Amino acid sequence: MTGTNGTEKLNFGPSMLQTMVITGMSQQTGGQISRVEIELGPEQGGPPAHLHPGQREIYTVEEGELTVTLDGDTRTVASGESIEIPAGSVHRFSNPSGAAVRFTADHLPALRFEEYIRLVHQTVAGRKATLPVIMRIVRIESSFPETILPPPGPPRLVGKMLSGLGRLAGYPTGNELAASAR
C-alpha cells in the first residue's frame, strides 16, 4: 500500500511476521541509497543467508535487538547501534527475542532492490512459505543477480535447482513478472 508521502508498506504475513516500508529514498538520492524500514516480529528467522554482490548494506536498529550473522560470525545489534554488511558478504538477520525489532536497512547503491522486494512481496503476501512459494521467490531472484544471490556452494546449487523446477512448473522470472504487470 502506497502512503501519502510516497512510502509503501509491505506486509509479508503469514509467511513471515515482517513488515517493510519502502521509504522512497532511492528516488530522493538518484539511486544512491535504498532505505527500507523493517519490523520483524518476535522469534522470526528472517530471510535465508544471501549476499548482495554490488551493494553494501547498513542495518541501524531503532528498537529491540537484531541478531546478524555476517560471514559466519553472529552478533547482536542493540537499539541505537548499526552494522555494515560489505558487498559480497554472506549474511542474514533474525529476531530470536520475544519482542519485535525495528530497524532500517540501507542498500548502497539502490540498484534494483526495491523492484525485487516488491515482486517478492507480491508473491508471498497472504501465503504461507510452502515449497511452491519458495520456488516462485527463487525464480524472481534469478532476474536480480546484481542485487541478490544465494551463498556460493550448495546453497547456490540448490537455488539453481529450485529455479529450474520453478521454470518447469511455469513460474515466471522476476523480469517476466514485472513485464506482465505493465
N, C-alpha and C. Protein backbone atom coordinates (compact mmCIF):
# COMPACT_ATOMS: atom_id res chain seq x y z
N MET A 1 0.84 -1.17 0.00
CA MET A 1 0.00 0.00 0.00
C MET A 1 0.89 1.24 0.00
N THR A 2 0.63 2.16 -0.91
CA THR A 2 1.41 3.38 -1.01
C THR A 2 0.80 4.46 -0.11
N GLY A 3 1.65 5.08 0.71
CA GLY A 3 1.21 6.13 1.62
C GLY A 3 1.17 7.47 0.92
N THR A 4 0.66 8.48 1.62
CA THR A 4 0.54 9.81 1.04
C THR A 4 1.89 10.48 0.85
N ASN A 5 2.93 10.02 1.57
CA ASN A 5 4.25 10.63 1.43
C ASN A 5 5.15 9.85 0.48
N GLY A 6 4.56 8.95 -0.34
CA GLY A 6 5.35 8.21 -1.31
C GLY A 6 5.94 6.92 -0.77
N THR A 7 5.68 6.61 0.49
CA THR A 7 6.19 5.36 1.05
C THR A 7 5.25 4.22 0.70
N GLU A 8 5.78 3.01 0.74
CA GLU A 8 4.97 1.81 0.53
C GLU A 8 5.17 0.88 1.71
N LYS A 9 4.09 0.39 2.28
CA LYS A 9 4.18 -0.57 3.39
C LYS A 9 3.81 -1.95 2.86
N LEU A 10 4.72 -2.90 3.04
CA LEU A 10 4.54 -4.26 2.56
C LEU A 10 4.47 -5.19 3.77
N ASN A 11 3.42 -6.00 3.84
CA ASN A 11 3.25 -6.96 4.93
C ASN A 11 3.53 -8.35 4.35
N PHE A 12 4.50 -9.05 4.91
CA PHE A 12 4.91 -10.35 4.39
C PHE A 12 4.21 -11.53 5.07
N GLY A 13 3.17 -11.25 5.87
CA GLY A 13 2.43 -12.32 6.52
C GLY A 13 1.56 -13.08 5.54
N PRO A 14 1.20 -14.29 5.86
CA PRO A 14 1.55 -15.03 7.07
C PRO A 14 2.87 -15.81 6.97
N SER A 15 3.55 -15.72 5.83
CA SER A 15 4.79 -16.49 5.70
C SER A 15 5.86 -16.03 6.68
N MET A 16 5.82 -14.75 7.04
CA MET A 16 6.79 -14.20 7.99
C MET A 16 6.14 -13.02 8.69
N LEU A 17 6.37 -12.89 9.99
CA LEU A 17 5.87 -11.73 10.73
C LEU A 17 6.83 -10.58 10.49
N GLN A 18 6.70 -9.97 9.31
CA GLN A 18 7.59 -8.88 8.93
C GLN A 18 6.82 -7.88 8.09
N THR A 19 7.02 -6.60 8.41
CA THR A 19 6.55 -5.54 7.53
C THR A 19 7.78 -4.75 7.08
N MET A 20 7.67 -4.20 5.90
CA MET A 20 8.77 -3.44 5.34
C MET A 20 8.17 -2.19 4.70
N VAL A 21 8.73 -1.04 5.03
CA VAL A 21 8.30 0.22 4.43
C VAL A 21 9.40 0.68 3.49
N ILE A 22 9.06 0.81 2.21
CA ILE A 22 10.00 1.38 1.23
C ILE A 22 9.84 2.89 1.35
N THR A 23 10.91 3.58 1.72
CA THR A 23 10.81 4.99 2.10
C THR A 23 10.84 5.97 0.93
N GLY A 24 11.23 5.54 -0.24
CA GLY A 24 11.34 6.46 -1.36
C GLY A 24 12.69 7.15 -1.45
N MET A 25 13.64 6.76 -0.59
CA MET A 25 14.94 7.41 -0.59
C MET A 25 15.70 7.19 -1.90
N SER A 26 15.46 6.09 -2.59
CA SER A 26 16.19 5.87 -3.84
C SER A 26 15.86 6.95 -4.86
N GLN A 27 14.62 7.40 -4.88
CA GLN A 27 14.26 8.50 -5.78
C GLN A 27 14.89 9.80 -5.32
N GLN A 28 14.90 10.03 -4.01
CA GLN A 28 15.45 11.26 -3.46
C GLN A 28 16.97 11.36 -3.65
N THR A 29 17.64 10.22 -3.72
CA THR A 29 19.11 10.21 -3.83
C THR A 29 19.60 9.81 -5.21
N GLY A 30 18.71 9.77 -6.18
CA GLY A 30 19.12 9.40 -7.53
C GLY A 30 19.67 7.98 -7.61
N GLY A 31 19.13 7.08 -6.79
CA GLY A 31 19.56 5.69 -6.82
C GLY A 31 20.79 5.37 -6.00
N GLN A 32 21.28 6.33 -5.23
CA GLN A 32 22.47 6.08 -4.41
C GLN A 32 22.16 5.22 -3.19
N ILE A 33 20.95 5.40 -2.60
CA ILE A 33 20.58 4.67 -1.39
C ILE A 33 19.14 4.20 -1.51
N SER A 34 18.90 2.94 -1.19
CA SER A 34 17.55 2.44 -0.99
C SER A 34 17.41 2.20 0.51
N ARG A 35 16.44 2.83 1.13
CA ARG A 35 16.21 2.63 2.57
C ARG A 35 14.85 1.98 2.76
N VAL A 36 14.86 0.89 3.53
CA VAL A 36 13.62 0.26 3.94
C VAL A 36 13.60 0.22 5.46
N GLU A 37 12.42 0.42 6.01
CA GLU A 37 12.21 0.31 7.45
C GLU A 37 11.55 -1.03 7.69
N ILE A 38 12.14 -1.83 8.56
CA ILE A 38 11.67 -3.20 8.76
C ILE A 38 11.23 -3.39 10.21
N GLU A 39 10.10 -4.02 10.38
CA GLU A 39 9.71 -4.51 11.70
C GLU A 39 9.61 -6.02 11.59
N LEU A 40 10.42 -6.71 12.38
CA LEU A 40 10.46 -8.16 12.38
C LEU A 40 9.89 -8.64 13.70
N GLY A 41 8.84 -9.45 13.62
CA GLY A 41 8.15 -9.92 14.81
C GLY A 41 9.02 -10.82 15.68
N PRO A 42 8.51 -11.12 16.87
CA PRO A 42 9.25 -11.98 17.80
C PRO A 42 9.49 -13.36 17.22
N GLU A 43 10.66 -13.90 17.53
CA GLU A 43 11.03 -15.26 17.17
C GLU A 43 10.89 -15.54 15.68
N GLN A 44 11.34 -14.57 14.86
CA GLN A 44 11.29 -14.71 13.41
C GLN A 44 12.70 -14.93 12.86
N GLY A 45 12.82 -15.83 11.90
CA GLY A 45 14.12 -16.18 11.35
C GLY A 45 14.66 -15.22 10.31
N GLY A 46 13.82 -14.40 9.70
CA GLY A 46 14.30 -13.52 8.64
C GLY A 46 14.60 -14.30 7.37
N PRO A 47 15.14 -13.64 6.36
CA PRO A 47 15.42 -14.32 5.10
C PRO A 47 16.61 -15.28 5.25
N PRO A 48 16.71 -16.25 4.35
CA PRO A 48 17.88 -17.15 4.41
C PRO A 48 19.16 -16.39 4.08
N ALA A 49 20.28 -17.01 4.40
CA ALA A 49 21.58 -16.39 4.10
C ALA A 49 21.65 -16.04 2.62
N HIS A 50 22.22 -14.87 2.34
CA HIS A 50 22.33 -14.37 0.97
C HIS A 50 23.46 -13.35 0.91
N LEU A 51 23.71 -12.86 -0.29
CA LEU A 51 24.69 -11.80 -0.45
C LEU A 51 24.21 -10.82 -1.52
N HIS A 52 24.73 -9.61 -1.43
CA HIS A 52 24.45 -8.57 -2.41
C HIS A 52 25.78 -8.28 -3.11
N PRO A 53 25.98 -8.80 -4.34
CA PRO A 53 27.30 -8.67 -4.97
C PRO A 53 27.70 -7.24 -5.28
N GLY A 54 26.73 -6.36 -5.54
CA GLY A 54 27.07 -5.00 -5.93
C GLY A 54 26.61 -3.94 -4.96
N GLN A 55 26.23 -4.34 -3.76
CA GLN A 55 25.72 -3.38 -2.78
C GLN A 55 26.31 -3.67 -1.40
N ARG A 56 26.56 -2.60 -0.67
CA ARG A 56 26.80 -2.79 0.75
C ARG A 56 25.49 -2.46 1.43
N GLU A 57 25.34 -2.93 2.66
CA GLU A 57 24.09 -2.76 3.37
C GLU A 57 24.41 -2.34 4.80
N ILE A 58 23.61 -1.43 5.33
CA ILE A 58 23.79 -0.97 6.71
C ILE A 58 22.48 -1.14 7.45
N TYR A 59 22.52 -1.92 8.53
CA TYR A 59 21.37 -2.07 9.41
C TYR A 59 21.55 -1.13 10.60
N THR A 60 20.52 -0.35 10.92
CA THR A 60 20.52 0.51 12.10
C THR A 60 19.28 0.16 12.92
N VAL A 61 19.51 -0.32 14.13
CA VAL A 61 18.41 -0.77 14.98
C VAL A 61 17.80 0.43 15.71
N GLU A 62 16.49 0.56 15.57
CA GLU A 62 15.75 1.66 16.20
C GLU A 62 15.16 1.21 17.54
N GLU A 63 14.72 -0.06 17.59
CA GLU A 63 14.08 -0.57 18.80
C GLU A 63 14.26 -2.08 18.86
N GLY A 64 14.66 -2.58 20.03
CA GLY A 64 14.86 -4.01 20.20
C GLY A 64 16.29 -4.42 19.89
N GLU A 65 16.46 -5.70 19.60
CA GLU A 65 17.78 -6.24 19.27
C GLU A 65 17.66 -7.12 18.04
N LEU A 66 18.61 -6.98 17.13
CA LEU A 66 18.66 -7.73 15.89
C LEU A 66 19.87 -8.66 15.92
N THR A 67 19.66 -9.91 15.59
CA THR A 67 20.77 -10.85 15.50
C THR A 67 21.21 -10.91 14.05
N VAL A 68 22.49 -10.65 13.80
CA VAL A 68 23.03 -10.63 12.44
C VAL A 68 24.17 -11.64 12.37
N THR A 69 24.11 -12.49 11.35
CA THR A 69 25.21 -13.40 11.06
C THR A 69 25.87 -12.90 9.78
N LEU A 70 27.15 -12.57 9.89
CA LEU A 70 27.92 -11.99 8.80
C LEU A 70 29.15 -12.85 8.58
N ASP A 71 29.22 -13.47 7.41
CA ASP A 71 30.34 -14.35 7.06
C ASP A 71 30.64 -15.35 8.18
N GLY A 72 29.57 -15.92 8.76
CA GLY A 72 29.71 -16.97 9.77
C GLY A 72 29.81 -16.49 11.21
N ASP A 73 30.02 -15.21 11.45
CA ASP A 73 30.10 -14.68 12.81
C ASP A 73 28.77 -14.04 13.17
N THR A 74 28.25 -14.39 14.35
CA THR A 74 26.95 -13.89 14.79
C THR A 74 27.14 -12.87 15.90
N ARG A 75 26.39 -11.78 15.79
CA ARG A 75 26.41 -10.78 16.86
C ARG A 75 25.04 -10.16 17.00
N THR A 76 24.82 -9.57 18.15
CA THR A 76 23.57 -8.88 18.43
C THR A 76 23.80 -7.39 18.27
N VAL A 77 22.90 -6.75 17.53
CA VAL A 77 22.96 -5.31 17.32
C VAL A 77 21.81 -4.70 18.12
N ALA A 78 22.13 -3.88 19.10
CA ALA A 78 21.14 -3.31 20.01
C ALA A 78 20.60 -1.98 19.49
N SER A 79 19.53 -1.52 20.09
CA SER A 79 18.92 -0.25 19.75
C SER A 79 19.98 0.87 19.78
N GLY A 80 20.01 1.68 18.71
CA GLY A 80 20.97 2.76 18.59
C GLY A 80 22.27 2.35 17.93
N GLU A 81 22.46 1.07 17.64
CA GLU A 81 23.69 0.59 17.00
C GLU A 81 23.43 0.26 15.54
N SER A 82 24.54 0.21 14.78
CA SER A 82 24.49 -0.14 13.36
C SER A 82 25.53 -1.20 13.07
N ILE A 83 25.33 -1.89 11.96
CA ILE A 83 26.32 -2.83 11.45
C ILE A 83 26.34 -2.70 9.93
N GLU A 84 27.53 -2.69 9.36
CA GLU A 84 27.67 -2.60 7.91
C GLU A 84 27.99 -3.98 7.34
N ILE A 85 27.29 -4.32 6.27
CA ILE A 85 27.50 -5.57 5.56
C ILE A 85 28.21 -5.21 4.25
N PRO A 86 29.49 -5.56 4.10
CA PRO A 86 30.20 -5.24 2.86
C PRO A 86 29.59 -5.97 1.66
N ALA A 87 29.70 -5.38 0.48
CA ALA A 87 29.24 -6.04 -0.74
C ALA A 87 29.91 -7.41 -0.85
N GLY A 88 29.12 -8.42 -1.24
CA GLY A 88 29.64 -9.76 -1.42
C GLY A 88 29.73 -10.60 -0.17
N SER A 89 29.37 -10.05 0.99
CA SER A 89 29.44 -10.79 2.25
C SER A 89 28.16 -11.58 2.50
N VAL A 90 28.30 -12.84 2.85
CA VAL A 90 27.15 -13.68 3.16
C VAL A 90 26.59 -13.26 4.51
N HIS A 91 25.30 -13.01 4.56
CA HIS A 91 24.68 -12.54 5.79
C HIS A 91 23.22 -12.94 5.87
N ARG A 92 22.72 -12.82 7.08
CA ARG A 92 21.29 -12.99 7.35
C ARG A 92 20.99 -12.29 8.65
N PHE A 93 19.73 -12.00 8.87
CA PHE A 93 19.31 -11.41 10.14
C PHE A 93 18.14 -12.19 10.69
N SER A 94 17.96 -12.09 12.01
CA SER A 94 16.85 -12.76 12.66
C SER A 94 16.51 -12.04 13.96
N ASN A 95 15.39 -12.44 14.53
CA ASN A 95 14.95 -11.90 15.80
C ASN A 95 14.55 -13.05 16.71
N PRO A 96 15.48 -13.60 17.47
CA PRO A 96 15.14 -14.71 18.35
C PRO A 96 14.46 -14.28 19.66
N SER A 97 14.31 -12.99 19.89
CA SER A 97 13.75 -12.50 21.15
C SER A 97 12.23 -12.61 21.15
N GLY A 98 11.64 -12.33 22.29
CA GLY A 98 10.20 -12.36 22.45
C GLY A 98 9.51 -11.04 22.13
N ALA A 99 10.26 -10.06 21.64
CA ALA A 99 9.69 -8.75 21.28
C ALA A 99 10.09 -8.38 19.86
N ALA A 100 9.27 -7.57 19.22
CA ALA A 100 9.57 -7.13 17.85
C ALA A 100 10.84 -6.29 17.83
N VAL A 101 11.51 -6.26 16.68
CA VAL A 101 12.66 -5.39 16.47
C VAL A 101 12.33 -4.49 15.27
N ARG A 102 12.68 -3.22 15.39
CA ARG A 102 12.51 -2.27 14.30
C ARG A 102 13.88 -1.76 13.89
N PHE A 103 14.16 -1.77 12.58
CA PHE A 103 15.46 -1.30 12.09
C PHE A 103 15.33 -0.82 10.66
N THR A 104 16.32 -0.04 10.24
CA THR A 104 16.39 0.36 8.85
C THR A 104 17.48 -0.46 8.17
N ALA A 105 17.28 -0.68 6.88
CA ALA A 105 18.28 -1.35 6.06
C ALA A 105 18.54 -0.46 4.85
N ASP A 106 19.75 0.07 4.77
CA ASP A 106 20.16 0.89 3.63
C ASP A 106 20.97 0.03 2.68
N HIS A 107 20.58 0.03 1.40
CA HIS A 107 21.32 -0.66 0.35
C HIS A 107 22.01 0.42 -0.49
N LEU A 108 23.32 0.32 -0.62
CA LEU A 108 24.11 1.33 -1.31
C LEU A 108 24.94 0.68 -2.41
N PRO A 109 24.74 0.98 -3.66
CA PRO A 109 23.67 1.80 -4.24
C PRO A 109 22.35 1.03 -4.25
N ALA A 110 21.28 1.71 -4.64
CA ALA A 110 19.95 1.11 -4.59
C ALA A 110 19.81 -0.07 -5.56
N LEU A 111 20.44 0.05 -6.74
CA LEU A 111 20.27 -0.94 -7.81
C LEU A 111 18.78 -1.25 -7.97
N ARG A 112 18.42 -2.51 -8.05
CA ARG A 112 17.00 -2.88 -8.26
C ARG A 112 16.41 -3.55 -7.02
N PHE A 113 16.96 -3.23 -5.84
CA PHE A 113 16.49 -3.87 -4.61
C PHE A 113 14.99 -3.66 -4.41
N GLU A 114 14.50 -2.45 -4.59
CA GLU A 114 13.08 -2.16 -4.33
C GLU A 114 12.18 -2.93 -5.29
N GLU A 115 12.57 -3.00 -6.56
CA GLU A 115 11.79 -3.78 -7.53
C GLU A 115 11.75 -5.24 -7.11
N TYR A 116 12.91 -5.76 -6.70
CA TYR A 116 12.99 -7.15 -6.24
C TYR A 116 12.06 -7.40 -5.05
N ILE A 117 12.12 -6.54 -4.04
CA ILE A 117 11.35 -6.78 -2.83
C ILE A 117 9.86 -6.62 -3.09
N ARG A 118 9.47 -5.74 -4.00
CA ARG A 118 8.05 -5.61 -4.36
C ARG A 118 7.54 -6.90 -5.00
N LEU A 119 8.34 -7.48 -5.90
CA LEU A 119 7.93 -8.72 -6.55
C LEU A 119 7.86 -9.88 -5.57
N VAL A 120 8.81 -9.95 -4.63
CA VAL A 120 8.75 -10.99 -3.61
C VAL A 120 7.49 -10.81 -2.76
N HIS A 121 7.21 -9.58 -2.37
CA HIS A 121 6.01 -9.31 -1.57
C HIS A 121 4.76 -9.74 -2.33
N GLN A 122 4.68 -9.38 -3.59
CA GLN A 122 3.54 -9.76 -4.42
C GLN A 122 3.36 -11.28 -4.42
N THR A 123 4.44 -12.00 -4.36
CA THR A 123 4.42 -13.46 -4.40
C THR A 123 4.02 -14.08 -3.07
N VAL A 124 4.48 -13.51 -1.95
CA VAL A 124 4.24 -14.14 -0.65
C VAL A 124 3.05 -13.58 0.11
N ALA A 125 2.60 -12.39 -0.21
CA ALA A 125 1.53 -11.76 0.56
C ALA A 125 0.30 -12.66 0.65
N GLY A 126 -0.11 -12.95 1.87
CA GLY A 126 -1.29 -13.77 2.10
C GLY A 126 -1.05 -15.27 1.98
N ARG A 127 0.21 -15.67 1.76
CA ARG A 127 0.52 -17.10 1.59
C ARG A 127 1.50 -17.56 2.65
N LYS A 128 1.40 -18.82 3.00
CA LYS A 128 2.40 -19.44 3.87
C LYS A 128 3.61 -19.81 3.03
N ALA A 129 4.75 -19.98 3.67
CA ALA A 129 6.00 -20.29 2.97
C ALA A 129 6.06 -21.77 2.62
N THR A 130 5.37 -22.14 1.55
CA THR A 130 5.36 -23.52 1.06
C THR A 130 6.43 -23.68 -0.02
N LEU A 131 6.69 -24.90 -0.43
CA LEU A 131 7.68 -25.14 -1.49
C LEU A 131 7.34 -24.40 -2.78
N PRO A 132 6.08 -24.40 -3.25
CA PRO A 132 5.77 -23.61 -4.46
C PRO A 132 6.06 -22.12 -4.28
N VAL A 133 5.78 -21.56 -3.11
CA VAL A 133 6.07 -20.14 -2.87
C VAL A 133 7.58 -19.91 -2.90
N ILE A 134 8.35 -20.80 -2.27
CA ILE A 134 9.81 -20.67 -2.28
C ILE A 134 10.35 -20.78 -3.71
N MET A 135 9.81 -21.69 -4.51
CA MET A 135 10.25 -21.80 -5.91
C MET A 135 9.95 -20.52 -6.68
N ARG A 136 8.80 -19.92 -6.41
CA ARG A 136 8.46 -18.65 -7.07
C ARG A 136 9.46 -17.55 -6.68
N ILE A 137 9.82 -17.49 -5.40
CA ILE A 137 10.78 -16.49 -4.94
C ILE A 137 12.14 -16.69 -5.62
N VAL A 138 12.58 -17.93 -5.71
CA VAL A 138 13.87 -18.23 -6.34
C VAL A 138 13.83 -17.88 -7.83
N ARG A 139 12.69 -18.09 -8.48
CA ARG A 139 12.55 -17.69 -9.89
C ARG A 139 12.67 -16.17 -10.01
N ILE A 140 12.05 -15.43 -9.11
CA ILE A 140 12.17 -13.97 -9.11
C ILE A 140 13.63 -13.58 -8.92
N GLU A 141 14.26 -14.17 -7.92
CA GLU A 141 15.66 -13.87 -7.59
C GLU A 141 16.57 -14.08 -8.80
N SER A 142 16.25 -15.03 -9.67
CA SER A 142 17.11 -15.32 -10.82
C SER A 142 17.24 -14.13 -11.77
N SER A 143 16.32 -13.19 -11.69
CA SER A 143 16.38 -11.99 -12.54
C SER A 143 17.15 -10.83 -11.92
N PHE A 144 17.69 -11.04 -10.71
CA PHE A 144 18.34 -9.96 -9.97
C PHE A 144 19.74 -10.33 -9.50
N PRO A 145 20.59 -10.90 -10.38
CA PRO A 145 21.91 -11.36 -9.91
C PRO A 145 22.84 -10.24 -9.45
N GLU A 146 22.59 -9.01 -9.87
CA GLU A 146 23.41 -7.89 -9.40
C GLU A 146 22.96 -7.41 -8.03
N THR A 147 21.76 -7.84 -7.61
CA THR A 147 21.15 -7.37 -6.38
C THR A 147 21.21 -8.40 -5.26
N ILE A 148 20.94 -9.67 -5.59
CA ILE A 148 20.88 -10.69 -4.54
C ILE A 148 21.21 -12.06 -5.11
N LEU A 149 21.99 -12.82 -4.35
CA LEU A 149 22.37 -14.19 -4.73
C LEU A 149 22.41 -15.07 -3.47
N PRO A 150 22.17 -16.38 -3.65
CA PRO A 150 22.43 -17.29 -2.53
C PRO A 150 23.95 -17.39 -2.32
N PRO A 151 24.38 -17.86 -1.16
CA PRO A 151 25.81 -18.05 -0.94
C PRO A 151 26.38 -19.07 -1.94
N PRO A 152 27.68 -18.97 -2.24
CA PRO A 152 28.30 -19.94 -3.15
C PRO A 152 28.24 -21.35 -2.56
N GLY A 153 28.43 -22.34 -3.41
CA GLY A 153 28.44 -23.73 -2.97
C GLY A 153 27.05 -24.34 -2.98
N PRO A 154 26.79 -25.25 -2.05
CA PRO A 154 25.50 -25.95 -2.04
C PRO A 154 24.27 -25.04 -2.04
N PRO A 155 24.25 -23.92 -1.26
CA PRO A 155 23.03 -23.09 -1.32
C PRO A 155 22.75 -22.55 -2.73
N ARG A 156 23.79 -22.16 -3.45
CA ARG A 156 23.58 -21.64 -4.81
C ARG A 156 23.12 -22.75 -5.74
N LEU A 157 23.68 -23.94 -5.57
CA LEU A 157 23.27 -25.09 -6.38
C LEU A 157 21.80 -25.44 -6.12
N VAL A 158 21.41 -25.46 -4.86
CA VAL A 158 20.01 -25.73 -4.52
C VAL A 158 19.11 -24.64 -5.12
N GLY A 159 19.54 -23.38 -5.04
CA GLY A 159 18.77 -22.30 -5.64
C GLY A 159 18.58 -22.49 -7.13
N LYS A 160 19.63 -22.90 -7.83
CA LYS A 160 19.52 -23.15 -9.28
C LYS A 160 18.57 -24.31 -9.56
N MET A 161 18.64 -25.35 -8.73
CA MET A 161 17.74 -26.49 -8.92
C MET A 161 16.29 -26.08 -8.67
N LEU A 162 16.04 -25.31 -7.61
CA LEU A 162 14.68 -24.86 -7.33
C LEU A 162 14.17 -23.93 -8.42
N SER A 163 15.04 -23.08 -8.95
CA SER A 163 14.65 -22.20 -10.05
C SER A 163 14.29 -23.01 -11.28
N GLY A 164 15.08 -24.05 -11.55
CA GLY A 164 14.78 -24.93 -12.69
C GLY A 164 13.44 -25.64 -12.52
N LEU A 165 13.17 -26.13 -11.30
CA LEU A 165 11.88 -26.77 -11.03
C LEU A 165 10.75 -25.76 -11.17
N GLY A 166 10.99 -24.53 -10.71
CA GLY A 166 10.00 -23.47 -10.86
C GLY A 166 9.73 -23.15 -12.32
N ARG A 167 10.79 -23.16 -13.13
CA ARG A 167 10.61 -22.93 -14.58
C ARG A 167 9.73 -24.02 -15.17
N LEU A 168 10.03 -25.29 -14.82
CA LEU A 168 9.23 -26.41 -15.32
C LEU A 168 7.78 -26.32 -14.86
N ALA A 169 7.57 -25.77 -13.67
CA ALA A 169 6.21 -25.60 -13.15
C ALA A 169 5.50 -24.39 -13.77
N GLY A 170 6.24 -23.60 -14.55
CA GLY A 170 5.64 -22.46 -15.22
C GLY A 170 5.68 -21.17 -14.45
N TYR A 171 6.48 -21.10 -13.37
CA TYR A 171 6.57 -19.88 -12.59
C TYR A 171 7.44 -18.86 -13.33
N PRO A 172 7.02 -17.59 -13.37
CA PRO A 172 7.77 -16.58 -14.10
C PRO A 172 9.02 -16.12 -13.35
N THR A 173 9.99 -15.63 -14.12
CA THR A 173 11.14 -14.96 -13.51
C THR A 173 10.67 -13.58 -13.04
N GLY A 174 11.52 -12.88 -12.33
CA GLY A 174 11.19 -11.53 -11.91
C GLY A 174 10.95 -10.61 -13.09
N ASN A 175 11.79 -10.73 -14.13
CA ASN A 175 11.62 -9.89 -15.31
C ASN A 175 10.29 -10.18 -16.00
N GLU A 176 9.92 -11.46 -16.10
CA GLU A 176 8.64 -11.82 -16.72
C GLU A 176 7.46 -11.32 -15.89
N LEU A 177 7.57 -11.44 -14.60
CA LEU A 177 6.51 -10.99 -13.70
C LEU A 177 6.34 -9.47 -13.79
N ALA A 178 7.46 -8.75 -13.80
CA ALA A 178 7.41 -7.29 -13.91
C ALA A 178 6.81 -6.86 -15.26
N ALA A 179 7.19 -7.55 -16.33
CA ALA A 179 6.68 -7.22 -17.66
C ALA A 179 5.18 -7.46 -17.75
N SER A 180 4.68 -8.51 -17.08
CA SER A 180 3.25 -8.81 -17.15
C SER A 180 2.43 -7.80 -16.35
N ALA A 181 3.06 -7.11 -15.40
CA ALA A 181 2.35 -6.11 -14.58
C ALA A 181 2.24 -4.78 -15.28
N ARG A 182 2.99 -4.58 -16.35
CA ARG A 182 2.97 -3.27 -17.04
C ARG A 182 1.76 -3.10 -17.90
